[in-house]
N, C-alpha and C. Protein backbone atom coordinates (compact mmCIF):
# COMPACT_ATOMS: atom_id res chain seq x y z
N MET A 1 1.21 -1.10 0.35
CA MET A 1 0.35 -0.06 0.03
C MET A 1 0.95 1.21 0.41
N GLU A 2 0.33 2.25 -0.78
CA GLU A 2 1.41 3.46 -0.25
C GLU A 2 1.14 3.96 0.54
N THR A 3 1.54 5.56 0.37
CA THR A 3 1.58 6.61 1.57
C THR A 3 0.19 7.20 0.81
N SER A 4 0.28 7.46 -0.47
CA SER A 4 -1.32 8.45 -0.41
C SER A 4 -2.49 7.19 0.38
N GLN A 5 -2.73 6.04 -0.31
CA GLN A 5 -3.65 5.42 0.20
C GLN A 5 -3.76 4.87 1.82
N ILE A 6 -2.65 5.33 2.79
CA ILE A 6 -2.49 4.38 4.19
C ILE A 6 -3.17 5.89 4.32
N LEU A 7 -3.08 7.02 4.17
CA LEU A 7 -4.14 8.62 4.54
C LEU A 7 -5.21 8.37 3.16
N GLU A 8 -5.74 7.99 2.61
CA GLU A 8 -6.77 7.87 2.30
C GLU A 8 -7.40 6.30 3.21
N GLU A 9 -7.12 5.27 3.39
CA GLU A 9 -7.57 4.04 4.69
C GLU A 9 -7.84 5.49 5.86
N LEU A 10 -7.00 5.97 6.44
CA LEU A 10 -7.20 6.68 8.04
C LEU A 10 -8.28 7.73 7.75
N LYS A 11 -8.14 8.34 7.07
CA LYS A 11 -9.22 9.24 6.78
C LYS A 11 -10.76 8.95 6.84
N ILE A 12 -11.14 7.56 6.30
CA ILE A 12 -11.66 6.80 5.99
C ILE A 12 -11.83 6.23 6.86
N SER A 13 -11.48 5.64 7.99
CA SER A 13 -11.61 4.66 9.28
C SER A 13 -12.55 4.71 10.00
N ASP A 14 -12.76 4.51 10.78
CA ASP A 14 -13.10 4.89 12.41
C ASP A 14 -12.37 4.91 13.37
N GLY A 15 -11.24 4.71 13.25
CA GLY A 15 -9.75 4.81 14.42
C GLY A 15 -9.40 3.45 14.01
N GLY A 16 -9.97 2.28 14.09
CA GLY A 16 -9.45 0.85 14.04
C GLY A 16 -8.68 0.62 13.58
N TYR A 17 -7.85 1.30 12.18
CA TYR A 17 -6.65 1.48 11.72
C TYR A 17 -5.56 2.43 12.01
N THR A 18 -5.80 3.10 12.64
CA THR A 18 -5.29 4.44 12.86
C THR A 18 -4.11 3.78 13.67
N GLU A 19 -3.69 3.27 14.36
CA GLU A 19 -2.18 2.66 14.96
C GLU A 19 -1.11 2.32 13.86
N ASP A 20 -1.87 1.46 12.67
CA ASP A 20 -1.48 0.62 12.07
C ASP A 20 -0.88 1.85 11.35
N CYS A 21 -1.69 2.41 10.22
CA CYS A 21 -1.43 3.46 9.82
C CYS A 21 -0.21 4.04 9.89
N PHE A 22 -0.31 4.58 10.84
CA PHE A 22 0.50 5.96 11.69
C PHE A 22 2.17 4.90 11.76
N SER A 23 1.60 3.37 12.17
CA SER A 23 2.78 3.42 12.36
C SER A 23 4.25 2.47 10.99
N VAL A 24 3.02 2.56 9.29
CA VAL A 24 3.38 2.28 9.00
C VAL A 24 3.85 3.26 7.67
N LEU A 25 3.33 4.33 7.57
CA LEU A 25 4.19 5.66 8.07
C LEU A 25 5.12 6.40 8.54
N SER A 26 5.28 6.28 9.55
CA SER A 26 7.05 6.36 10.60
C SER A 26 7.13 5.96 9.94
N LYS A 27 7.59 4.40 9.21
CA LYS A 27 7.94 3.61 9.07
C LYS A 27 9.00 4.26 7.89
N ARG A 28 7.48 4.50 7.07
CA ARG A 28 8.07 4.88 5.96
C ARG A 28 8.55 6.20 5.75
N LEU A 29 9.03 7.11 6.91
CA LEU A 29 9.32 8.24 7.15
C LEU A 29 11.11 7.87 7.22
N VAL A 30 11.09 7.31 8.11
CA VAL A 30 12.41 6.71 8.05
C VAL A 30 13.32 6.55 6.83
N GLU A 31 12.66 5.03 5.99
CA GLU A 31 13.31 4.91 5.26
C GLU A 31 12.72 5.75 4.55
N PHE A 32 12.76 6.33 3.75
CA PHE A 32 11.85 7.40 2.42
C PHE A 32 11.33 8.82 2.96
N PRO A 33 12.69 9.41 4.06
CA PRO A 33 12.51 10.68 4.43
C PRO A 33 11.88 11.42 3.94
N GLU A 34 12.50 11.47 1.99
CA GLU A 34 12.37 13.02 1.24
C GLU A 34 10.54 12.44 0.40
N ASP A 35 10.42 11.07 0.23
CA ASP A 35 9.44 10.98 -0.73
C ASP A 35 8.19 11.08 0.20
N THR A 36 8.38 10.24 1.85
CA THR A 36 7.52 10.58 2.56
C THR A 36 6.54 12.23 2.53
N LEU A 37 7.77 13.27 2.66
CA LEU A 37 7.33 14.41 3.19
C LEU A 37 7.25 15.35 1.67
N CYS A 38 7.21 14.38 0.56
CA CYS A 38 6.37 15.30 -0.85
C CYS A 38 5.15 14.89 -0.65
N ILE A 39 4.46 13.22 0.00
CA ILE A 39 3.42 13.47 -0.43
C ILE A 39 2.55 13.81 0.59
N LEU A 40 2.67 13.57 1.81
CA LEU A 40 2.45 13.96 3.37
C LEU A 40 2.30 15.95 2.91
N ASN A 41 3.27 16.67 2.54
CA ASN A 41 3.03 18.06 1.67
C ASN A 41 2.16 18.71 0.65
N HIS A 42 1.60 17.18 -0.27
CA HIS A 42 1.30 17.78 -0.92
C HIS A 42 -0.10 16.82 -1.34
N ASN A 43 -0.51 15.34 -0.46
CA ASN A 43 -1.72 15.02 -0.39
C ASN A 43 -2.89 15.75 -0.50
N LYS A 44 -4.05 15.98 -1.18
CA LYS A 44 -4.88 16.70 -0.80
C LYS A 44 -6.24 16.08 0.01
N LEU A 45 -5.60 14.81 0.93
CA LEU A 45 -6.36 15.34 2.49
C LEU A 45 -5.57 15.60 3.02
N MET A 46 -4.50 16.20 3.17
CA MET A 46 -3.54 16.88 3.98
C MET A 46 -3.89 18.79 4.47
N ALA A 47 -5.04 18.79 2.98
CA ALA A 47 -5.42 20.19 3.58
C ALA A 47 -6.15 20.17 4.43
N ASP A 48 -6.79 19.11 5.02
CA ASP A 48 -8.25 19.50 6.26
C ASP A 48 -6.69 19.50 7.40
N THR A 49 -6.59 21.09 8.01
CA THR A 49 -6.02 20.97 8.84
C THR A 49 -6.34 20.01 10.49
N ASP A 50 -7.53 19.90 10.57
CA ASP A 50 -7.53 18.55 11.17
C ASP A 50 -7.33 17.14 11.50
N PHE A 51 -7.05 16.94 10.32
CA PHE A 51 -6.46 15.32 9.41
C PHE A 51 -4.91 15.90 9.35
N GLU A 52 -4.70 16.98 9.15
CA GLU A 52 -3.25 17.21 8.94
C GLU A 52 -2.82 16.55 10.77
N ALA A 53 -3.32 17.62 11.74
CA ALA A 53 -2.90 17.08 12.76
C ALA A 53 -3.19 16.05 13.57
N LEU A 54 -3.46 15.56 12.89
CA LEU A 54 -4.15 13.84 13.59
C LEU A 54 -2.37 13.31 12.39
N VAL A 55 -2.52 13.29 11.76
CA VAL A 55 -2.20 12.41 11.18
C VAL A 55 -0.28 12.70 10.98
N ILE A 56 0.21 14.37 11.91
CA ILE A 56 1.70 14.78 12.75
C ILE A 56 2.07 14.43 13.87
N THR A 57 0.56 14.31 14.77
CA THR A 57 0.50 13.94 16.14
C THR A 57 0.43 12.57 16.72
N GLY A 58 0.11 11.53 14.79
CA GLY A 58 0.29 10.16 14.79
C GLY A 58 1.49 9.70 14.72
N ILE A 59 1.97 10.46 13.74
CA ILE A 59 3.50 9.36 13.34
C ILE A 59 4.58 10.39 14.53
N GLY A 60 4.21 11.46 15.00
CA GLY A 60 5.19 11.78 16.13
C GLY A 60 4.93 10.50 17.26
N ALA A 61 3.83 10.39 17.72
CA ALA A 61 4.14 9.58 18.39
C ALA A 61 4.90 8.06 18.29
N GLU A 62 4.40 7.45 17.15
CA GLU A 62 5.07 6.06 16.98
C GLU A 62 6.60 6.72 16.37
N LEU A 63 7.24 7.35 15.94
CA LEU A 63 8.91 7.64 15.54
C LEU A 63 9.84 7.07 17.08
N PRO A 64 8.97 7.28 18.01
CA PRO A 64 10.02 6.64 19.37
C PRO A 64 10.85 5.28 18.98
N TYR A 65 9.50 4.76 19.26
CA TYR A 65 9.06 3.55 19.30
C TYR A 65 9.83 2.82 17.07
N ILE A 66 9.82 3.58 16.28
CA ILE A 66 10.42 2.58 14.88
C ILE A 66 11.51 2.75 14.18
N GLY A 67 11.81 2.05 13.87
CA GLY A 67 13.73 2.59 13.41
C GLY A 67 14.22 1.71 14.67
N ALA A 68 15.69 1.57 14.63
CA ALA A 68 16.89 1.29 15.05
C ALA A 68 17.03 2.92 15.15
N ALA A 69 18.28 2.81 16.35
CA ALA A 69 18.68 4.12 16.83
C ALA A 69 19.61 4.27 15.92
N GLU A 70 19.86 4.15 15.02
CA GLU A 70 21.19 4.95 14.08
C GLU A 70 20.12 5.47 12.29
N GLU A 71 18.66 4.80 12.51
CA GLU A 71 18.25 5.51 11.49
C GLU A 71 17.21 6.59 11.73
N LYS A 72 16.73 6.35 13.71
CA LYS A 72 16.01 7.32 13.56
C LYS A 72 17.42 8.89 14.01
N ASP A 73 18.34 8.41 14.70
CA ASP A 73 19.28 9.64 14.28
C ASP A 73 19.86 10.51 13.17
N THR A 74 19.52 9.06 11.71
CA THR A 74 19.69 10.41 10.50
C THR A 74 18.30 11.04 10.17
N LEU A 75 17.20 10.17 10.02
CA LEU A 75 15.78 11.28 10.10
C LEU A 75 16.07 12.41 10.87
N TYR A 76 16.24 12.42 12.38
CA TYR A 76 16.43 13.48 12.97
C TYR A 76 17.82 14.55 12.54
N LYS A 77 18.45 14.34 12.43
CA LYS A 77 19.33 14.94 11.37
C LYS A 77 18.88 15.54 9.83
N TYR A 78 18.21 15.11 9.32
CA TYR A 78 17.44 15.03 8.18
C TYR A 78 16.48 16.05 8.25
N LEU A 79 15.50 16.05 9.30
CA LEU A 79 14.62 17.23 9.84
C LEU A 79 15.02 18.37 10.42
N LYS A 80 16.12 18.39 11.32
CA LYS A 80 16.73 19.44 11.21
C LYS A 80 17.67 20.38 10.02
N SER A 81 18.33 19.86 9.22
CA SER A 81 18.86 20.10 8.07
C SER A 81 17.95 20.99 6.81
N ILE A 82 16.68 20.65 7.53
CA ILE A 82 15.63 21.02 6.13
C ILE A 82 15.39 22.68 6.49
N SER A 83 16.02 23.23 5.27
CA SER A 83 16.46 24.72 6.03
C SER A 83 14.87 25.87 5.96
N THR A 84 14.25 26.83 5.86
CA THR A 84 12.79 26.73 6.67
C THR A 84 13.11 27.40 4.88
N ASP A 85 13.18 27.89 4.38
CA ASP A 85 12.81 28.26 2.79
C ASP A 85 12.43 26.97 1.89
N GLU A 86 13.22 25.78 2.63
CA GLU A 86 12.19 24.38 1.05
C GLU A 86 11.30 23.78 1.50
N GLU A 87 10.31 23.16 0.43
CA GLU A 87 9.34 22.63 0.19
C GLU A 87 8.95 22.00 1.57
N TYR A 88 9.56 21.50 2.26
CA TYR A 88 8.62 20.22 2.95
C TYR A 88 9.49 21.03 4.47
N ALA A 89 9.60 22.64 4.13
CA ALA A 89 10.20 23.31 6.06
C ALA A 89 9.52 22.49 7.21
N GLU A 90 8.46 23.39 6.32
CA GLU A 90 6.99 23.55 7.76
C GLU A 90 6.05 22.05 8.00
N ILE A 91 5.80 21.31 7.55
CA ILE A 91 5.76 19.60 7.41
C ILE A 91 6.79 19.05 8.85
N ALA A 92 8.15 19.58 7.86
CA ALA A 92 8.57 18.29 8.69
C ALA A 92 9.30 18.74 10.43
N SER A 93 9.18 20.40 10.34
CA SER A 93 9.05 21.10 11.67
C SER A 93 8.52 20.66 12.61
N ARG A 94 6.98 20.78 11.67
CA ARG A 94 5.87 20.34 13.02
C ARG A 94 5.94 18.80 12.93
N ILE A 95 6.09 17.88 12.58
CA ILE A 95 6.23 16.46 12.72
C ILE A 95 7.26 16.23 13.51
N LEU A 96 8.72 17.00 13.43
CA LEU A 96 9.71 16.63 14.52
C LEU A 96 10.23 16.80 15.76
N ASP A 97 8.67 18.48 15.69
CA ASP A 97 7.66 19.08 17.27
C ASP A 97 7.96 17.67 18.07
N LYS A 98 6.62 17.05 17.25
CA LYS A 98 5.52 16.23 17.53
C LYS A 98 6.23 15.24 18.43
N TRP A 99 7.71 14.52 17.54
CA TRP A 99 8.33 13.61 17.96
C TRP A 99 9.09 13.86 18.97
N LEU A 100 9.92 14.98 18.85
CA LEU A 100 10.81 15.64 20.79
C LEU A 100 9.77 15.72 21.65
N SER A 101 8.44 16.21 21.72
CA SER A 101 7.29 16.14 22.44
C SER A 101 7.56 14.70 23.13
N GLU A 102 7.08 13.78 21.92
CA GLU A 102 6.68 12.02 22.52
C GLU A 102 7.61 12.04 23.06
N SER A 103 8.98 12.13 23.07
CA SER A 103 10.13 11.26 22.89
C SER A 103 10.38 12.01 24.60
N ASP A 104 10.33 13.31 24.96
CA ASP A 104 10.47 13.83 25.75
C ASP A 104 9.77 13.33 27.09
N GLY A 105 8.34 12.40 26.42
CA GLY A 105 7.27 12.07 27.69
C GLY A 105 6.40 13.59 27.96
N SER A 106 6.29 14.03 26.90
CA SER A 106 5.31 15.84 27.05
C SER A 106 4.11 14.29 26.45
C-alpha cells in the first residue's frame, strides 16, 4: 500500500486502523524521508487541518518506537537540516516537534 493509500484509509477509517497507519507512515518516513514528506506535503487530504494534525501527531507518537537508533538519528538530522525556505520545511518541523515532545514524555 502506498503512502497516499494509507492516508485515504486513515481518513475513512473509524479509528480501527489508526495505529497501524501511523506505524506504516512512520516506517516510511524513516526509510524514505524525502518521498514521504513530499507526499504528506502535497496530498489533498492533508489540506484538512484537523486531519493533518491527526497525521502529524500520530507519526510523532510512533517515531520513538520505529527503526534502529542509527536510523532515527539519521532521520532527526535530516529533519533538522531542512532549511526554512525548502518545500517541506513546515511539515518537517511540525513532525520533528511532535516527535521530540513524545520522546520527552510530554
